[in-house]
Amino acid sequence: MEQTVYAKIASYGLVPVIKLTDPDHAVPLAEALSAGRLPVAEVTFRTDSAAESIRRIGREAPDVIVGAGTVLTVEQAKQAVEVGAQYIVTPGFNPTVVRYCVDNGVPITPGVNNPTAVEQALEFGLTLLKFFPAEASGGLAMLKALAGPYGHVSFVPTGGVNGDNLAAYIAQKNVAAVGGSWIVPGDAITTGDFKRITTLTAEAIEIVKTTRAAATA
């Protein structure tokens, strides 16, 4: 499952990082993302609504690849998997959480921002890693530096990535996809302005498409 899930995410090049405070918003949001040609959702475990939101997306929007983000404990990872999360994302490198996911065949993208953490991930056989917090950790300069010794590792930079620097990040060879919340703004979710989310998503997808096409031309 891991290769299939991550290959699909990489093909879109974007991972919307979502904070939901009301599970009733989960399915309309997932549908808005799909309408913008991005059937991917990373629901963060920052609220009590996360688990139920993931459950509803999995049940009512099955074509959307739904994952759990900001997972800090094994208990959260277990809960996420039980409600249907297809992948796990952690902000840092937690060996206990990583070991649980690896041992149980759960796709996991742990957060790293330095060579030591990258090598910890490699010990677990992981080669797709979250680069977080991206901008605060050196951004593109750090990604370029990491590409030297770790040419077989791909990253999902998250934190400070937005519509203004998306093209620069997606053009970086060791970037599989970028993560961010700018396409799923909190005020649009709470007010039910899902058309705005679809528009922002479609614009971001077009940037990814255009940038990748230019890189291969």
N, C-alpha and C. Protein backbone atom coordinates (compact mmCIF):
# COMPACT_ATOMS: atom_id res chain seq x y z
N MET A 1 0.83 -1.21 0.00
CA MET A 1 0.00 0.00 0.00
C MET A 1 0.86 1.26 0.00
N GLU A 2 2.01 1.21 0.70
CA GLU A 2 2.83 2.40 0.85
C GLU A 2 3.23 3.00 -0.49
N GLN A 3 3.74 2.15 -1.38
CA GLN A 3 4.20 2.67 -2.66
C GLN A 3 3.04 3.24 -3.47
N THR A 4 1.89 2.58 -3.40
CA THR A 4 0.74 3.06 -4.15
C THR A 4 0.27 4.41 -3.63
N VAL A 5 0.13 4.53 -2.32
CA VAL A 5 -0.32 5.78 -1.72
C VAL A 5 0.64 6.92 -2.03
N TYR A 6 1.92 6.71 -1.81
CA TYR A 6 2.89 7.78 -2.01
C TYR A 6 3.12 8.09 -3.48
N ALA A 7 2.98 7.10 -4.32
CA ALA A 7 3.11 7.37 -5.76
C ALA A 7 1.97 8.26 -6.23
N LYS A 8 0.78 8.02 -5.71
CA LYS A 8 -0.36 8.86 -6.08
C LYS A 8 -0.18 10.28 -5.57
N ILE A 9 0.26 10.40 -4.32
CA ILE A 9 0.46 11.73 -3.76
C ILE A 9 1.53 12.49 -4.55
N ALA A 10 2.61 11.81 -4.88
CA ALA A 10 3.67 12.44 -5.66
C ALA A 10 3.18 12.87 -7.03
N SER A 11 2.26 12.12 -7.59
CA SER A 11 1.74 12.49 -8.92
C SER A 11 0.96 13.80 -8.88
N TYR A 12 0.34 14.09 -7.75
CA TYR A 12 -0.37 15.37 -7.60
C TYR A 12 0.59 16.49 -7.18
N GLY A 13 1.59 16.14 -6.38
CA GLY A 13 2.60 17.12 -5.98
C GLY A 13 2.19 18.03 -4.84
N LEU A 14 1.03 17.80 -4.27
CA LEU A 14 0.51 18.66 -3.21
C LEU A 14 -0.13 17.84 -2.10
N VAL A 15 0.06 18.30 -0.87
CA VAL A 15 -0.61 17.70 0.28
C VAL A 15 -1.23 18.83 1.11
N PRO A 16 -2.55 18.98 1.07
CA PRO A 16 -3.19 20.01 1.88
C PRO A 16 -3.18 19.60 3.35
N VAL A 17 -2.63 20.47 4.19
CA VAL A 17 -2.56 20.20 5.63
C VAL A 17 -3.75 20.88 6.29
N ILE A 18 -4.64 20.07 6.85
CA ILE A 18 -5.97 20.54 7.23
C ILE A 18 -6.21 20.45 8.73
N LYS A 19 -6.73 21.54 9.28
CA LYS A 19 -7.17 21.56 10.68
C LYS A 19 -8.69 21.69 10.69
N LEU A 20 -9.35 20.67 11.23
CA LEU A 20 -10.81 20.68 11.26
C LEU A 20 -11.31 20.72 12.70
N THR A 21 -12.19 21.64 12.97
CA THR A 21 -12.78 21.73 14.30
C THR A 21 -14.21 21.20 14.33
N ASP A 22 -14.74 20.88 13.17
CA ASP A 22 -16.10 20.36 13.06
C ASP A 22 -16.11 19.25 12.01
N PRO A 23 -16.41 18.01 12.41
CA PRO A 23 -16.43 16.90 11.46
C PRO A 23 -17.41 17.09 10.30
N ASP A 24 -18.42 17.94 10.51
CA ASP A 24 -19.39 18.18 9.43
C ASP A 24 -18.75 18.87 8.23
N HIS A 25 -17.60 19.47 8.44
CA HIS A 25 -16.91 20.13 7.33
C HIS A 25 -16.03 19.18 6.54
N ALA A 26 -15.81 18.00 7.07
CA ALA A 26 -14.82 17.08 6.49
C ALA A 26 -15.16 16.66 5.06
N VAL A 27 -16.36 16.18 4.84
CA VAL A 27 -16.72 15.69 3.52
C VAL A 27 -16.84 16.81 2.49
N PRO A 28 -17.52 17.93 2.81
CA PRO A 28 -17.54 19.03 1.84
C PRO A 28 -16.15 19.52 1.48
N LEU A 29 -15.23 19.52 2.45
CA LEU A 29 -13.87 19.92 2.17
C LEU A 29 -13.20 18.94 1.23
N ALA A 30 -13.35 17.65 1.50
CA ALA A 30 -12.76 16.63 0.64
C ALA A 30 -13.30 16.75 -0.78
N GLU A 31 -14.58 17.02 -0.91
CA GLU A 31 -15.19 17.18 -2.23
C GLU A 31 -14.66 18.43 -2.92
N ALA A 32 -14.41 19.48 -2.15
CA ALA A 32 -13.87 20.72 -2.73
C ALA A 32 -12.46 20.50 -3.25
N LEU A 33 -11.66 19.73 -2.52
CA LEU A 33 -10.31 19.41 -2.97
C LEU A 33 -10.35 18.58 -4.25
N SER A 34 -11.23 17.60 -4.29
CA SER A 34 -11.37 16.76 -5.48
C SER A 34 -11.81 17.59 -6.68
N ALA A 35 -12.71 18.54 -6.44
CA ALA A 35 -13.17 19.40 -7.53
C ALA A 35 -12.02 20.24 -8.08
N GLY A 36 -11.02 20.50 -7.23
CA GLY A 36 -9.83 21.24 -7.67
C GLY A 36 -8.75 20.33 -8.20
N ARG A 37 -9.08 19.07 -8.43
CA ARG A 37 -8.18 18.04 -8.99
C ARG A 37 -7.10 17.59 -8.00
N LEU A 38 -7.45 17.60 -6.70
CA LEU A 38 -6.51 17.15 -5.69
C LEU A 38 -7.23 16.26 -4.66
N PRO A 39 -7.40 14.97 -4.96
CA PRO A 39 -8.08 14.07 -4.03
C PRO A 39 -7.15 13.56 -2.93
N VAL A 40 -6.58 14.50 -2.18
CA VAL A 40 -5.65 14.19 -1.09
C VAL A 40 -6.00 15.07 0.10
N ALA A 41 -5.95 14.50 1.31
CA ALA A 41 -6.23 15.27 2.51
C ALA A 41 -5.40 14.76 3.67
N GLU A 42 -4.65 15.66 4.30
CA GLU A 42 -3.92 15.32 5.52
C GLU A 42 -4.61 16.04 6.67
N VAL A 43 -5.36 15.31 7.46
CA VAL A 43 -6.11 15.88 8.58
C VAL A 43 -5.24 15.81 9.83
N THR A 44 -4.94 16.95 10.40
CA THR A 44 -4.01 16.98 11.53
C THR A 44 -4.71 16.63 12.84
N PHE A 45 -3.97 15.93 13.69
CA PHE A 45 -4.48 15.57 15.01
C PHE A 45 -4.24 16.74 15.99
N ARG A 46 -4.68 17.92 15.58
CA ARG A 46 -4.56 19.09 16.45
C ARG A 46 -5.87 19.42 17.14
N THR A 47 -6.93 18.72 16.76
CA THR A 47 -8.24 18.95 17.37
C THR A 47 -8.89 17.62 17.69
N ASP A 48 -9.92 17.69 18.51
CA ASP A 48 -10.66 16.47 18.87
C ASP A 48 -11.51 15.96 17.71
N SER A 49 -11.63 16.73 16.65
CA SER A 49 -12.45 16.34 15.51
C SER A 49 -11.69 15.52 14.48
N ALA A 50 -10.38 15.36 14.66
CA ALA A 50 -9.56 14.73 13.63
C ALA A 50 -10.00 13.32 13.29
N ALA A 51 -10.14 12.47 14.30
CA ALA A 51 -10.45 11.07 14.04
C ALA A 51 -11.80 10.92 13.33
N GLU A 52 -12.81 11.60 13.81
CA GLU A 52 -14.13 11.50 13.19
C GLU A 52 -14.12 12.08 11.78
N SER A 53 -13.34 13.13 11.57
CA SER A 53 -13.24 13.73 10.23
C SER A 53 -12.61 12.75 9.25
N ILE A 54 -11.56 12.07 9.68
CA ILE A 54 -10.92 11.07 8.83
C ILE A 54 -11.89 9.93 8.52
N ARG A 55 -12.63 9.52 9.54
CA ARG A 55 -13.60 8.44 9.35
C ARG A 55 -14.64 8.81 8.29
N ARG A 56 -15.14 10.01 8.38
CA ARG A 56 -16.18 10.44 7.44
C ARG A 56 -15.65 10.58 6.02
N ILE A 57 -14.45 11.11 5.88
CA ILE A 57 -13.86 11.23 4.54
C ILE A 57 -13.68 9.84 3.93
N GLY A 58 -13.16 8.92 4.71
CA GLY A 58 -12.96 7.56 4.20
C GLY A 58 -14.25 6.88 3.80
N ARG A 59 -15.32 7.17 4.53
CA ARG A 59 -16.60 6.53 4.28
C ARG A 59 -17.39 7.20 3.16
N GLU A 60 -17.37 8.53 3.12
CA GLU A 60 -18.22 9.27 2.20
C GLU A 60 -17.51 9.88 1.01
N ALA A 61 -16.18 9.89 1.06
CA ALA A 61 -15.39 10.38 -0.08
C ALA A 61 -14.24 9.41 -0.31
N PRO A 62 -14.56 8.16 -0.64
CA PRO A 62 -13.56 7.09 -0.69
C PRO A 62 -12.47 7.29 -1.74
N ASP A 63 -12.69 8.16 -2.70
CA ASP A 63 -11.68 8.39 -3.73
C ASP A 63 -10.56 9.32 -3.25
N VAL A 64 -10.76 9.93 -2.09
CA VAL A 64 -9.77 10.85 -1.54
C VAL A 64 -8.76 10.07 -0.69
N ILE A 65 -7.48 10.30 -0.93
CA ILE A 65 -6.43 9.69 -0.12
C ILE A 65 -6.33 10.48 1.17
N VAL A 66 -6.79 9.90 2.26
CA VAL A 66 -6.83 10.63 3.53
C VAL A 66 -5.78 10.10 4.49
N GLY A 67 -5.04 11.03 5.07
CA GLY A 67 -4.02 10.65 6.03
C GLY A 67 -4.16 11.45 7.31
N ALA A 68 -3.37 11.07 8.31
CA ALA A 68 -3.39 11.76 9.60
C ALA A 68 -2.07 12.48 9.80
N GLY A 69 -2.14 13.77 10.10
CA GLY A 69 -0.94 14.55 10.32
C GLY A 69 -0.78 14.96 11.78
N THR A 70 0.37 15.49 12.11
CA THR A 70 0.69 15.90 13.48
C THR A 70 0.44 14.77 14.47
N VAL A 71 0.83 13.57 14.07
CA VAL A 71 0.70 12.40 14.95
C VAL A 71 1.92 12.38 15.87
N LEU A 72 1.67 12.41 17.17
CA LEU A 72 2.75 12.53 18.15
C LEU A 72 2.98 11.27 18.98
N THR A 73 1.99 10.36 19.01
CA THR A 73 2.09 9.18 19.85
C THR A 73 1.64 7.93 19.09
N VAL A 74 2.03 6.78 19.62
CA VAL A 74 1.57 5.52 19.04
C VAL A 74 0.05 5.40 19.18
N GLU A 75 -0.48 5.89 20.28
CA GLU A 75 -1.93 5.83 20.49
C GLU A 75 -2.66 6.60 19.40
N GLN A 76 -2.16 7.77 19.05
CA GLN A 76 -2.78 8.54 17.97
C GLN A 76 -2.65 7.81 16.64
N ALA A 77 -1.50 7.20 16.40
CA ALA A 77 -1.30 6.45 15.15
C ALA A 77 -2.29 5.31 15.06
N LYS A 78 -2.46 4.58 16.16
CA LYS A 78 -3.41 3.46 16.17
C LYS A 78 -4.83 3.96 15.90
N GLN A 79 -5.20 5.05 16.56
CA GLN A 79 -6.53 5.60 16.37
C GLN A 79 -6.74 6.04 14.93
N ALA A 80 -5.73 6.67 14.36
CA ALA A 80 -5.84 7.14 12.99
C ALA A 80 -6.05 5.97 12.02
N VAL A 81 -5.29 4.92 12.21
CA VAL A 81 -5.41 3.75 11.34
C VAL A 81 -6.78 3.10 11.51
N GLU A 82 -7.26 3.02 12.74
CA GLU A 82 -8.55 2.41 13.02
C GLU A 82 -9.70 3.12 12.32
N VAL A 83 -9.59 4.45 12.18
CA VAL A 83 -10.68 5.21 11.53
C VAL A 83 -10.47 5.37 10.04
N GLY A 84 -9.38 4.81 9.51
CA GLY A 84 -9.23 4.78 8.06
C GLY A 84 -8.12 5.60 7.46
N ALA A 85 -7.23 6.16 8.27
CA ALA A 85 -6.10 6.92 7.71
C ALA A 85 -5.23 5.99 6.87
N GLN A 86 -4.88 6.44 5.67
CA GLN A 86 -4.08 5.63 4.76
C GLN A 86 -2.59 5.88 4.90
N TYR A 87 -2.23 6.94 5.60
CA TYR A 87 -0.82 7.23 5.86
C TYR A 87 -0.73 8.12 7.10
N ILE A 88 0.45 8.13 7.70
CA ILE A 88 0.70 8.89 8.92
C ILE A 88 1.82 9.89 8.66
N VAL A 89 1.67 11.09 9.21
CA VAL A 89 2.70 12.12 9.10
C VAL A 89 3.02 12.63 10.50
N THR A 90 4.30 12.71 10.83
CA THR A 90 4.71 13.24 12.12
C THR A 90 5.54 14.51 11.91
N PRO A 91 5.48 15.46 12.84
CA PRO A 91 6.24 16.70 12.65
C PRO A 91 7.74 16.52 12.85
N GLY A 92 8.12 15.56 13.69
CA GLY A 92 9.53 15.26 13.92
C GLY A 92 9.77 13.78 13.79
N PHE A 93 10.99 13.35 14.13
CA PHE A 93 11.30 11.93 14.02
C PHE A 93 11.15 11.27 15.39
N ASN A 94 10.04 10.57 15.56
CA ASN A 94 9.75 9.85 16.80
C ASN A 94 9.97 8.36 16.54
N PRO A 95 11.06 7.78 17.03
CA PRO A 95 11.38 6.39 16.72
C PRO A 95 10.29 5.40 17.13
N THR A 96 9.59 5.71 18.22
CA THR A 96 8.55 4.80 18.70
C THR A 96 7.37 4.75 17.73
N VAL A 97 6.96 5.93 17.28
CA VAL A 97 5.85 5.99 16.32
C VAL A 97 6.28 5.37 14.99
N VAL A 98 7.48 5.69 14.56
CA VAL A 98 7.98 5.14 13.29
C VAL A 98 8.05 3.61 13.37
N ARG A 99 8.57 3.08 14.45
CA ARG A 99 8.67 1.63 14.60
C ARG A 99 7.31 0.98 14.55
N TYR A 100 6.32 1.57 15.22
CA TYR A 100 4.97 1.00 15.19
C TYR A 100 4.45 0.95 13.76
N CYS A 101 4.60 2.04 13.02
CA CYS A 101 4.07 2.10 11.66
C CYS A 101 4.80 1.13 10.74
N VAL A 102 6.11 1.10 10.83
CA VAL A 102 6.89 0.20 9.98
C VAL A 102 6.55 -1.26 10.28
N ASP A 103 6.46 -1.60 11.54
CA ASP A 103 6.17 -2.98 11.93
C ASP A 103 4.77 -3.41 11.51
N ASN A 104 3.86 -2.47 11.37
CA ASN A 104 2.48 -2.79 11.04
C ASN A 104 2.10 -2.44 9.61
N GLY A 105 3.11 -2.11 8.80
CA GLY A 105 2.85 -1.85 7.39
C GLY A 105 2.05 -0.59 7.12
N VAL A 106 2.15 0.38 8.02
CA VAL A 106 1.43 1.64 7.86
C VAL A 106 2.37 2.67 7.22
N PRO A 107 2.04 3.22 6.07
CA PRO A 107 2.89 4.24 5.45
C PRO A 107 3.09 5.43 6.39
N ILE A 108 4.32 5.83 6.59
CA ILE A 108 4.59 6.96 7.48
C ILE A 108 5.62 7.89 6.85
N THR A 109 5.37 9.19 7.01
CA THR A 109 6.30 10.22 6.55
C THR A 109 6.72 11.01 7.78
N PRO A 110 7.84 10.67 8.39
CA PRO A 110 8.28 11.40 9.57
C PRO A 110 8.94 12.72 9.20
N GLY A 111 8.87 13.67 10.12
CA GLY A 111 9.49 14.96 9.87
C GLY A 111 10.98 14.95 10.19
N VAL A 112 11.76 15.57 9.31
CA VAL A 112 13.20 15.72 9.51
C VAL A 112 13.61 17.11 9.05
N ASN A 113 14.76 17.59 9.54
CA ASN A 113 15.28 18.85 9.01
C ASN A 113 16.80 18.92 9.11
N ASN A 114 17.44 17.74 9.22
CA ASN A 114 18.90 17.71 9.29
C ASN A 114 19.40 16.32 8.91
N PRO A 115 20.69 16.19 8.60
CA PRO A 115 21.25 14.91 8.16
C PRO A 115 21.09 13.78 9.18
N THR A 116 21.22 14.09 10.46
CA THR A 116 21.10 13.04 11.48
C THR A 116 19.72 12.40 11.44
N ALA A 117 18.68 13.22 11.35
CA ALA A 117 17.32 12.68 11.29
C ALA A 117 17.10 11.90 10.00
N VAL A 118 17.66 12.36 8.89
CA VAL A 118 17.54 11.63 7.63
C VAL A 118 18.14 10.23 7.79
N GLU A 119 19.29 10.15 8.43
CA GLU A 119 19.93 8.85 8.59
C GLU A 119 19.17 7.95 9.56
N GLN A 120 18.51 8.54 10.54
CA GLN A 120 17.64 7.75 11.42
C GLN A 120 16.50 7.13 10.60
N ALA A 121 15.95 7.92 9.70
CA ALA A 121 14.87 7.42 8.85
C ALA A 121 15.36 6.30 7.94
N LEU A 122 16.55 6.47 7.40
CA LEU A 122 17.11 5.45 6.52
C LEU A 122 17.29 4.12 7.25
N GLU A 123 17.58 4.19 8.55
CA GLU A 123 17.73 2.96 9.35
C GLU A 123 16.43 2.16 9.37
N PHE A 124 15.31 2.85 9.19
CA PHE A 124 14.01 2.19 9.16
C PHE A 124 13.55 1.89 7.74
N GLY A 125 14.42 2.16 6.77
CA GLY A 125 14.07 1.89 5.38
C GLY A 125 13.18 2.93 4.75
N LEU A 126 13.10 4.12 5.33
CA LEU A 126 12.22 5.17 4.82
C LEU A 126 13.00 6.13 3.93
N THR A 127 12.48 6.40 2.76
CA THR A 127 13.17 7.30 1.83
C THR A 127 12.28 8.44 1.34
N LEU A 128 11.05 8.53 1.88
CA LEU A 128 10.19 9.69 1.63
C LEU A 128 9.94 10.34 2.97
N LEU A 129 10.42 11.56 3.15
CA LEU A 129 10.40 12.21 4.45
C LEU A 129 9.79 13.61 4.36
N LYS A 130 9.16 14.01 5.44
CA LYS A 130 8.64 15.37 5.54
C LYS A 130 9.79 16.29 5.94
N PHE A 131 9.96 17.38 5.23
CA PHE A 131 10.98 18.37 5.57
C PHE A 131 10.27 19.50 6.29
N PHE A 132 10.47 19.56 7.61
CA PHE A 132 9.69 20.48 8.44
C PHE A 132 10.53 21.00 9.60
N PRO A 133 10.37 22.28 9.95
CA PRO A 133 9.65 23.33 9.21
C PRO A 133 10.52 23.83 8.05
N ALA A 134 10.03 23.77 6.88
CA ALA A 134 10.84 23.95 5.68
C ALA A 134 11.58 25.29 5.62
N GLU A 135 10.84 26.38 5.63
CA GLU A 135 11.48 27.69 5.48
C GLU A 135 12.39 28.00 6.66
N ALA A 136 11.95 27.67 7.86
CA ALA A 136 12.76 27.95 9.05
C ALA A 136 14.00 27.09 9.13
N SER A 137 14.02 25.99 8.37
CA SER A 137 15.15 25.06 8.41
C SER A 137 16.11 25.23 7.23
N GLY A 138 15.98 26.31 6.53
CA GLY A 138 16.90 26.58 5.42
C GLY A 138 16.28 26.46 4.06
N GLY A 139 15.02 26.02 3.99
CA GLY A 139 14.30 25.99 2.73
C GLY A 139 15.00 25.26 1.61
N LEU A 140 14.99 25.89 0.45
CA LEU A 140 15.57 25.28 -0.75
C LEU A 140 17.07 25.04 -0.60
N ALA A 141 17.76 25.93 0.09
CA ALA A 141 19.20 25.76 0.26
C ALA A 141 19.51 24.46 1.01
N MET A 142 18.73 24.17 2.05
CA MET A 142 18.94 22.94 2.80
C MET A 142 18.57 21.72 1.97
N LEU A 143 17.49 21.79 1.22
CA LEU A 143 17.10 20.67 0.37
C LEU A 143 18.18 20.36 -0.67
N LYS A 144 18.75 21.39 -1.24
CA LYS A 144 19.83 21.20 -2.21
C LYS A 144 21.05 20.57 -1.54
N ALA A 145 21.34 20.98 -0.32
CA ALA A 145 22.47 20.42 0.41
C ALA A 145 22.24 18.94 0.73
N LEU A 146 21.02 18.60 1.11
CA LEU A 146 20.69 17.22 1.45
C LEU A 146 20.70 16.31 0.21
N ALA A 147 20.46 16.89 -0.95
CA ALA A 147 20.43 16.10 -2.18
C ALA A 147 21.78 15.48 -2.49
N GLY A 148 22.85 16.10 -2.01
CA GLY A 148 24.18 15.57 -2.29
C GLY A 148 24.41 14.20 -1.70
N PRO A 149 24.42 14.06 -0.38
CA PRO A 149 24.68 12.76 0.23
C PRO A 149 23.48 11.83 0.20
N TYR A 150 22.28 12.37 0.03
CA TYR A 150 21.07 11.54 0.11
C TYR A 150 20.28 11.66 -1.20
N GLY A 151 20.92 11.30 -2.28
CA GLY A 151 20.30 11.44 -3.59
C GLY A 151 19.08 10.56 -3.80
N HIS A 152 18.95 9.51 -3.03
CA HIS A 152 17.82 8.59 -3.19
C HIS A 152 16.66 8.91 -2.25
N VAL A 153 16.78 10.00 -1.51
CA VAL A 153 15.74 10.40 -0.57
C VAL A 153 14.91 11.53 -1.17
N SER A 154 13.59 11.45 -1.01
CA SER A 154 12.69 12.49 -1.47
C SER A 154 12.01 13.15 -0.27
N PHE A 155 11.62 14.40 -0.46
CA PHE A 155 11.07 15.17 0.66
C PHE A 155 9.72 15.79 0.32
N VAL A 156 8.95 16.04 1.39
CA VAL A 156 7.71 16.79 1.30
C VAL A 156 7.88 18.01 2.19
N PRO A 157 8.43 19.10 1.63
CA PRO A 157 8.63 20.31 2.44
C PRO A 157 7.29 20.91 2.88
N THR A 158 7.22 21.24 4.15
CA THR A 158 6.01 21.79 4.74
C THR A 158 6.42 22.82 5.79
N GLY A 159 5.70 23.92 5.83
CA GLY A 159 6.01 24.96 6.78
C GLY A 159 6.63 26.16 6.09
N GLY A 160 5.78 27.14 5.78
CA GLY A 160 6.26 28.31 5.06
C GLY A 160 6.16 28.19 3.56
N VAL A 161 5.66 27.07 3.07
CA VAL A 161 5.44 26.91 1.62
C VAL A 161 4.06 27.47 1.30
N ASN A 162 3.98 28.24 0.22
CA ASN A 162 2.71 28.85 -0.16
C ASN A 162 2.69 29.07 -1.68
N GLY A 163 1.68 29.77 -2.13
CA GLY A 163 1.55 29.98 -3.56
C GLY A 163 2.69 30.76 -4.18
N ASP A 164 3.37 31.57 -3.37
CA ASP A 164 4.46 32.39 -3.90
C ASP A 164 5.74 31.60 -4.15
N ASN A 165 6.00 30.60 -3.34
CA ASN A 165 7.25 29.83 -3.51
C ASN A 165 7.02 28.37 -3.92
N LEU A 166 5.77 28.04 -4.18
CA LEU A 166 5.43 26.67 -4.57
C LEU A 166 6.23 26.21 -5.78
N ALA A 167 6.31 27.01 -6.82
CA ALA A 167 6.99 26.61 -8.05
C ALA A 167 8.46 26.32 -7.78
N ALA A 168 9.10 27.14 -6.95
CA ALA A 168 10.51 26.93 -6.65
C ALA A 168 10.74 25.62 -5.92
N TYR A 169 9.84 25.31 -5.02
CA TYR A 169 9.98 24.06 -4.27
C TYR A 169 9.71 22.84 -5.16
N ILE A 170 8.66 22.89 -5.94
CA ILE A 170 8.29 21.73 -6.74
C ILE A 170 9.30 21.48 -7.85
N ALA A 171 10.07 22.50 -8.20
CA ALA A 171 11.11 22.34 -9.23
C ALA A 171 12.36 21.67 -8.68
N GLN A 172 12.49 21.64 -7.37
CA GLN A 172 13.65 21.00 -6.74
C GLN A 172 13.57 19.49 -6.94
N LYS A 173 14.64 18.88 -7.43
CA LYS A 173 14.60 17.47 -7.86
C LYS A 173 14.27 16.48 -6.75
N ASN A 174 14.66 16.78 -5.51
CA ASN A 174 14.39 15.82 -4.44
C ASN A 174 13.10 16.12 -3.69
N VAL A 175 12.23 16.91 -4.29
CA VAL A 175 10.91 17.19 -3.70
C VAL A 175 9.85 16.36 -4.43
N ALA A 176 9.20 15.49 -3.68
CA ALA A 176 8.15 14.64 -4.25
C ALA A 176 6.81 15.37 -4.29
N ALA A 177 6.57 16.17 -3.27
CA ALA A 177 5.34 16.94 -3.17
C ALA A 177 5.59 18.01 -2.12
N VAL A 178 4.70 18.99 -2.06
CA VAL A 178 4.81 20.01 -1.02
C VAL A 178 3.54 19.98 -0.18
N GLY A 179 3.71 20.29 1.10
CA GLY A 179 2.56 20.33 1.99
C GLY A 179 2.30 21.74 2.46
N GLY A 180 1.04 22.07 2.69
CA GLY A 180 0.74 23.41 3.17
C GLY A 180 -0.74 23.59 3.45
N SER A 181 -1.02 24.67 4.16
CA SER A 181 -2.41 24.95 4.54
C SER A 181 -3.00 26.13 3.78
N TRP A 182 -2.20 26.75 2.90
CA TRP A 182 -2.71 27.95 2.23
C TRP A 182 -3.87 27.65 1.29
N ILE A 183 -3.96 26.42 0.82
CA ILE A 183 -5.08 26.09 -0.08
C ILE A 183 -6.33 25.67 0.69
N VAL A 184 -6.18 25.52 2.02
CA VAL A 184 -7.33 25.15 2.85
C VAL A 184 -7.40 26.12 4.05
N PRO A 185 -7.57 27.42 3.79
CA PRO A 185 -7.57 28.40 4.88
C PRO A 185 -8.70 28.14 5.87
N GLY A 186 -8.36 28.34 7.14
CA GLY A 186 -9.32 28.05 8.20
C GLY A 186 -10.61 28.81 8.09
N ASP A 187 -10.54 30.09 7.70
CA ASP A 187 -11.76 30.88 7.61
C ASP A 187 -12.68 30.38 6.51
N ALA A 188 -12.10 29.86 5.43
CA ALA A 188 -12.92 29.32 4.34
C ALA A 188 -13.64 28.05 4.79
N ILE A 189 -12.96 27.26 5.60
CA ILE A 189 -13.57 26.03 6.10
C ILE A 189 -14.72 26.36 7.05
N THR A 190 -14.46 27.21 8.03
CA THR A 190 -15.48 27.48 9.05
C THR A 190 -16.69 28.22 8.49
N THR A 191 -16.49 29.01 7.45
CA THR A 191 -17.63 29.73 6.86
C THR A 191 -18.30 28.94 5.74
N GLY A 192 -17.74 27.78 5.41
CA GLY A 192 -18.32 26.96 4.36
C GLY A 192 -18.05 27.46 2.95
N ASP A 193 -16.99 28.24 2.79
CA ASP A 193 -16.65 28.78 1.47
C ASP A 193 -15.78 27.75 0.73
N PHE A 194 -16.38 26.65 0.39
CA PHE A 194 -15.63 25.56 -0.24
C PHE A 194 -15.29 25.85 -1.70
N LYS A 195 -16.04 26.74 -2.32
CA LYS A 195 -15.70 27.15 -3.69
C LYS A 195 -14.33 27.85 -3.71
N ARG A 196 -14.07 28.63 -2.68
CA ARG A 196 -12.77 29.30 -2.58
C ARG A 196 -11.65 28.27 -2.47
N ILE A 197 -11.88 27.23 -1.71
CA ILE A 197 -10.88 26.17 -1.55
C ILE A 197 -10.65 25.46 -2.88
N THR A 198 -11.72 25.20 -3.61
CA THR A 198 -11.57 24.58 -4.92
C THR A 198 -10.74 25.46 -5.85
N THR A 199 -10.99 26.77 -5.81
CA THR A 199 -10.24 27.69 -6.66
C THR A 199 -8.77 27.72 -6.28
N LEU A 200 -8.47 27.82 -4.99
CA LEU A 200 -7.08 27.85 -4.53
C LEU A 200 -6.37 26.54 -4.89
N THR A 201 -7.08 25.44 -4.75
CA THR A 201 -6.50 24.14 -5.06
C THR A 201 -6.20 24.01 -6.54
N ALA A 202 -7.14 24.40 -7.38
CA ALA A 202 -6.95 24.32 -8.83
C ALA A 202 -5.78 25.19 -9.27
N GLU A 203 -5.64 26.37 -8.67
CA GLU A 203 -4.52 27.27 -9.00
C GLU A 203 -3.19 26.62 -8.64
N ALA A 204 -3.13 26.00 -7.46
CA ALA A 204 -1.90 25.35 -7.02
C ALA A 204 -1.55 24.15 -7.89
N ILE A 205 -2.55 23.37 -8.24
CA ILE A 205 -2.33 22.21 -9.11
C ILE A 205 -1.79 22.65 -10.46
N GLU A 206 -2.29 23.75 -10.97
CA GLU A 206 -1.84 24.25 -12.26
C GLU A 206 -0.37 24.70 -12.18
N ILE A 207 0.02 25.28 -11.06
CA ILE A 207 1.43 25.68 -10.86
C ILE A 207 2.30 24.45 -10.88
N VAL A 208 1.89 23.42 -10.17
CA VAL A 208 2.67 22.17 -10.14
C VAL A 208 2.79 21.59 -11.54
N LYS A 209 1.68 21.53 -12.24
CA LYS A 209 1.66 20.96 -13.59
C LYS A 209 2.58 21.74 -14.53
N THR A 210 2.46 23.06 -14.50
CA THR A 210 3.25 23.90 -15.39
C THR A 210 4.74 23.81 -15.08
N THR A 211 5.07 23.81 -13.79
CA THR A 211 6.46 23.76 -13.37
C THR A 211 7.10 22.43 -13.76
N ARG A 212 6.39 21.36 -13.55
CA ARG A 212 6.93 20.05 -13.90
C ARG A 212 7.08 19.91 -15.41
N ALA A 213 6.14 20.44 -16.16
CA ALA A 213 6.22 20.36 -17.62
C ALA A 213 7.44 21.13 -18.12
N ALA A 214 7.71 22.28 -17.52
CA ALA A 214 8.85 23.09 -17.93
C ALA A 214 10.17 22.39 -17.60
N ALA A 215 10.16 21.67 -16.49
CA ALA A 215 11.38 20.98 -16.06
C ALA A 215 11.74 19.82 -16.98
N THR A 216 10.74 19.24 -17.64
CA THR A 216 10.99 18.08 -18.50
C THR A 216 11.02 18.45 -19.98
N ALA A 217 10.81 19.74 -20.25
CA ALA A 217 10.79 20.18 -21.67
C ALA A 217 12.20 20.16 -22.27
